[in-house]
Amino acid sequence: MLVSVPYLAIANVCTILIDRGAPEWLHLVVLWGIWNAFKFILNGPISLFRLVQAVRREQMMAQVVRPTGRVRVSTNSRC
């Protein structure tokens, strides 16, 4: 989500330049920066949610595969 900060900074700089008389095509750069910033901002929580789902799924699969009748064997190691 922090990757969105440079995109917003680019959009901000371009709007300042447009206000000071820069070419009008910089509006496209502003839209591009805002669009990419929103994509990264929204992708952060979605990725976190999907990561939690994947970890839960892996834990469930590990419980299914894990044998239930395991007996611990003591070792006599005297060195």
N, C-alpha and C. Protein backbone atom coordinates (compact mmCIF):
# COMPACT_ATOMS: atom_id res chain seq x y z
N MET A 1 0.81 -1.19 0.00
CA MET A 1 0.00 0.00 0.00
C MET A 1 0.86 1.26 0.00
N LEU A 2 2.08 1.14 0.49
CA LEU A 2 2.96 2.30 0.51
C LEU A 2 3.44 2.70 -0.88
N VAL A 3 3.32 1.78 -1.84
CA VAL A 3 3.73 2.09 -3.20
C VAL A 3 2.83 3.16 -3.80
N SER A 4 1.64 3.33 -3.24
CA SER A 4 0.71 4.33 -3.77
C SER A 4 1.18 5.76 -3.48
N VAL A 5 2.03 5.94 -2.50
CA VAL A 5 2.47 7.29 -2.13
C VAL A 5 3.21 7.99 -3.28
N PRO A 6 4.17 7.35 -3.95
CA PRO A 6 4.82 8.05 -5.08
C PRO A 6 3.85 8.40 -6.20
N TYR A 7 2.87 7.53 -6.45
CA TYR A 7 1.89 7.84 -7.50
C TYR A 7 1.06 9.08 -7.13
N LEU A 8 0.69 9.17 -5.86
CA LEU A 8 -0.04 10.37 -5.43
C LEU A 8 0.85 11.60 -5.47
N ALA A 9 2.13 11.43 -5.17
CA ALA A 9 3.05 12.57 -5.25
C ALA A 9 3.22 13.04 -6.69
N ILE A 10 3.29 12.09 -7.63
CA ILE A 10 3.39 12.46 -9.04
C ILE A 10 2.14 13.21 -9.48
N ALA A 11 0.98 12.72 -9.05
CA ALA A 11 -0.27 13.40 -9.40
C ALA A 11 -0.31 14.80 -8.80
N ASN A 12 0.17 14.94 -7.59
CA ASN A 12 0.17 16.24 -6.94
C ASN A 12 1.10 17.22 -7.65
N VAL A 13 2.29 16.77 -7.99
CA VAL A 13 3.24 17.64 -8.70
C VAL A 13 2.68 18.06 -10.05
N CYS A 14 2.05 17.13 -10.74
CA CYS A 14 1.48 17.47 -12.06
C CYS A 14 0.34 18.47 -11.94
N THR A 15 -0.49 18.36 -10.90
CA THR A 15 -1.56 19.34 -10.73
C THR A 15 -0.99 20.72 -10.43
N ILE A 16 0.09 20.77 -9.66
CA ILE A 16 0.73 22.06 -9.38
C ILE A 16 1.29 22.65 -10.67
N LEU A 17 1.92 21.79 -11.48
CA LEU A 17 2.46 22.27 -12.75
C LEU A 17 1.36 22.75 -13.69
N ILE A 18 0.22 22.06 -13.70
CA ILE A 18 -0.90 22.47 -14.55
C ILE A 18 -1.43 23.83 -14.11
N ASP A 19 -1.51 24.03 -12.80
CA ASP A 19 -1.97 25.33 -12.28
C ASP A 19 -1.02 26.47 -12.66
N ARG A 20 0.25 26.14 -12.83
CA ARG A 20 1.24 27.17 -13.17
C ARG A 20 1.42 27.34 -14.68
N GLY A 21 0.60 26.64 -15.48
CA GLY A 21 0.64 26.87 -16.91
C GLY A 21 1.30 25.79 -17.75
N ALA A 22 1.50 24.63 -17.18
CA ALA A 22 2.09 23.53 -17.94
C ALA A 22 1.07 23.00 -18.96
N PRO A 23 1.51 22.18 -19.89
CA PRO A 23 0.59 21.67 -20.91
C PRO A 23 -0.58 20.88 -20.31
N GLU A 24 -1.69 20.90 -21.01
CA GLU A 24 -2.92 20.27 -20.52
C GLU A 24 -2.84 18.75 -20.55
N TRP A 25 -1.95 18.17 -21.34
CA TRP A 25 -1.87 16.72 -21.41
C TRP A 25 -1.39 16.11 -20.09
N LEU A 26 -0.91 16.94 -19.18
CA LEU A 26 -0.50 16.42 -17.86
C LEU A 26 -1.69 15.92 -17.05
N HIS A 27 -2.90 16.30 -17.49
CA HIS A 27 -4.08 15.75 -16.82
C HIS A 27 -4.11 14.23 -16.96
N LEU A 28 -3.61 13.72 -18.07
CA LEU A 28 -3.54 12.27 -18.25
C LEU A 28 -2.58 11.63 -17.25
N VAL A 29 -1.48 12.30 -16.97
CA VAL A 29 -0.52 11.79 -15.99
C VAL A 29 -1.15 11.80 -14.59
N VAL A 30 -1.95 12.84 -14.32
CA VAL A 30 -2.64 12.92 -13.03
C VAL A 30 -3.62 11.75 -12.89
N LEU A 31 -4.40 11.50 -13.92
CA LEU A 31 -5.35 10.39 -13.88
C LEU A 31 -4.62 9.05 -13.74
N TRP A 32 -3.51 8.90 -14.47
CA TRP A 32 -2.72 7.68 -14.37
C TRP A 32 -2.21 7.48 -12.94
N GLY A 33 -1.69 8.54 -12.32
CA GLY A 33 -1.16 8.44 -10.96
C GLY A 33 -2.23 8.10 -9.94
N ILE A 34 -3.38 8.75 -10.06
CA ILE A 34 -4.46 8.48 -9.12
C ILE A 34 -5.00 7.07 -9.31
N TRP A 35 -5.15 6.65 -10.56
CA TRP A 35 -5.64 5.30 -10.84
C TRP A 35 -4.72 4.23 -10.24
N ASN A 36 -3.43 4.37 -10.45
CA ASN A 36 -2.48 3.39 -9.91
C ASN A 36 -2.43 3.44 -8.39
N ALA A 37 -2.55 4.63 -7.82
CA ALA A 37 -2.55 4.73 -6.35
C ALA A 37 -3.75 4.00 -5.76
N PHE A 38 -4.92 4.19 -6.36
CA PHE A 38 -6.11 3.50 -5.86
C PHE A 38 -5.98 1.99 -6.01
N LYS A 39 -5.38 1.54 -7.10
CA LYS A 39 -5.19 0.10 -7.28
C LYS A 39 -4.33 -0.47 -6.15
N PHE A 40 -3.24 0.20 -5.83
CA PHE A 40 -2.37 -0.30 -4.77
C PHE A 40 -3.02 -0.20 -3.40
N ILE A 41 -3.77 0.87 -3.16
CA ILE A 41 -4.44 1.03 -1.87
C ILE A 41 -5.47 -0.08 -1.67
N LEU A 42 -6.24 -0.38 -2.69
CA LEU A 42 -7.26 -1.43 -2.56
C LEU A 42 -6.66 -2.83 -2.56
N ASN A 43 -5.54 -3.01 -3.20
CA ASN A 43 -4.93 -4.33 -3.28
C ASN A 43 -4.33 -4.77 -1.94
N GLY A 44 -3.98 -3.84 -1.07
CA GLY A 44 -3.39 -4.19 0.22
C GLY A 44 -4.32 -5.02 1.09
N PRO A 45 -5.52 -4.52 1.42
CA PRO A 45 -6.43 -5.32 2.25
C PRO A 45 -6.90 -6.60 1.56
N ILE A 46 -7.08 -6.56 0.24
CA ILE A 46 -7.51 -7.76 -0.48
C ILE A 46 -6.43 -8.83 -0.38
N SER A 47 -5.17 -8.46 -0.55
CA SER A 47 -4.07 -9.42 -0.45
C SER A 47 -3.95 -9.98 0.96
N LEU A 48 -4.15 -9.15 1.95
CA LEU A 48 -4.08 -9.61 3.34
C LEU A 48 -5.19 -10.63 3.61
N PHE A 49 -6.40 -10.36 3.14
CA PHE A 49 -7.52 -11.27 3.31
C PHE A 49 -7.23 -12.61 2.63
N ARG A 50 -6.71 -12.57 1.41
CA ARG A 50 -6.41 -13.80 0.69
C ARG A 50 -5.26 -14.57 1.35
N LEU A 51 -4.30 -13.87 1.94
CA LEU A 51 -3.20 -14.52 2.64
C LEU A 51 -3.72 -15.27 3.87
N VAL A 52 -4.62 -14.64 4.62
CA VAL A 52 -5.20 -15.28 5.80
C VAL A 52 -5.97 -16.53 5.38
N GLN A 53 -6.72 -16.45 4.29
CA GLN A 53 -7.45 -17.62 3.79
C GLN A 53 -6.49 -18.75 3.42
N ALA A 54 -5.41 -18.43 2.76
CA ALA A 54 -4.45 -19.46 2.34
C ALA A 54 -3.78 -20.11 3.55
N VAL A 55 -3.45 -19.32 4.56
CA VAL A 55 -2.82 -19.89 5.76
C VAL A 55 -3.80 -20.81 6.48
N ARG A 56 -5.06 -20.39 6.58
CA ARG A 56 -6.06 -21.26 7.22
C ARG A 56 -6.24 -22.55 6.44
N ARG A 57 -6.28 -22.45 5.12
CA ARG A 57 -6.43 -23.64 4.29
C ARG A 57 -5.25 -24.59 4.47
N GLU A 58 -4.03 -24.04 4.54
CA GLU A 58 -2.85 -24.87 4.76
C GLU A 58 -2.88 -25.55 6.12
N GLN A 59 -3.34 -24.83 7.15
CA GLN A 59 -3.44 -25.42 8.48
C GLN A 59 -4.45 -26.55 8.51
N MET A 60 -5.57 -26.36 7.82
CA MET A 60 -6.58 -27.42 7.76
C MET A 60 -6.05 -28.64 7.04
N MET A 61 -5.33 -28.44 5.94
CA MET A 61 -4.76 -29.56 5.20
C MET A 61 -3.69 -30.27 6.03
N ALA A 62 -2.93 -29.53 6.80
CA ALA A 62 -1.90 -30.14 7.64
C ALA A 62 -2.54 -30.99 8.73
N GLN A 63 -3.68 -30.58 9.26
CA GLN A 63 -4.37 -31.37 10.28
C GLN A 63 -4.94 -32.65 9.68
N VAL A 64 -5.40 -32.59 8.44
CA VAL A 64 -5.96 -33.77 7.79
C VAL A 64 -4.86 -34.78 7.51
N VAL A 65 -3.70 -34.32 7.09
CA VAL A 65 -2.61 -35.21 6.70
C VAL A 65 -1.87 -35.76 7.92
N ARG A 66 -1.86 -35.02 9.02
CA ARG A 66 -1.10 -35.40 10.21
C ARG A 66 -1.65 -36.69 10.82
N PRO A 67 -0.80 -37.66 11.09
CA PRO A 67 -1.28 -38.90 11.72
C PRO A 67 -1.73 -38.64 13.15
N THR A 68 -2.78 -39.37 13.58
CA THR A 68 -3.35 -39.11 14.91
C THR A 68 -2.75 -40.02 15.98
N GLY A 69 -2.33 -41.22 15.65
CA GLY A 69 -1.86 -42.16 16.65
C GLY A 69 -0.36 -42.13 16.84
N ARG A 70 0.22 -40.98 16.95
CA ARG A 70 1.67 -40.89 17.11
C ARG A 70 2.05 -41.13 18.56
N VAL A 71 3.07 -41.93 18.76
CA VAL A 71 3.57 -42.22 20.10
C VAL A 71 5.00 -41.71 20.17
N ARG A 72 5.28 -41.02 21.24
CA ARG A 72 6.61 -40.48 21.42
C ARG A 72 7.51 -41.57 22.00
N VAL A 73 8.64 -41.77 21.39
CA VAL A 73 9.60 -42.78 21.83
C VAL A 73 10.76 -42.08 22.53
N SER A 74 11.00 -42.52 23.75
CA SER A 74 12.11 -41.90 24.48
C SER A 74 13.43 -42.48 23.99
N THR A 75 14.42 -41.68 23.97
CA THR A 75 15.74 -42.12 23.54
C THR A 75 16.68 -42.13 24.73
N ASN A 76 17.49 -43.16 24.80
CA ASN A 76 18.50 -43.26 25.86
C ASN A 76 19.84 -42.94 25.23
N SER A 77 20.20 -41.73 25.31
CA SER A 77 21.49 -41.35 24.73
C SER A 77 22.40 -40.87 25.85
N ARG A 78 23.31 -41.73 26.21
CA ARG A 78 24.29 -41.35 27.24
C ARG A 78 25.64 -41.28 26.58
N CYS A 79 26.14 -40.12 26.55
CA CYS A 79 27.44 -39.91 25.91
C CYS A 79 28.53 -39.75 26.90
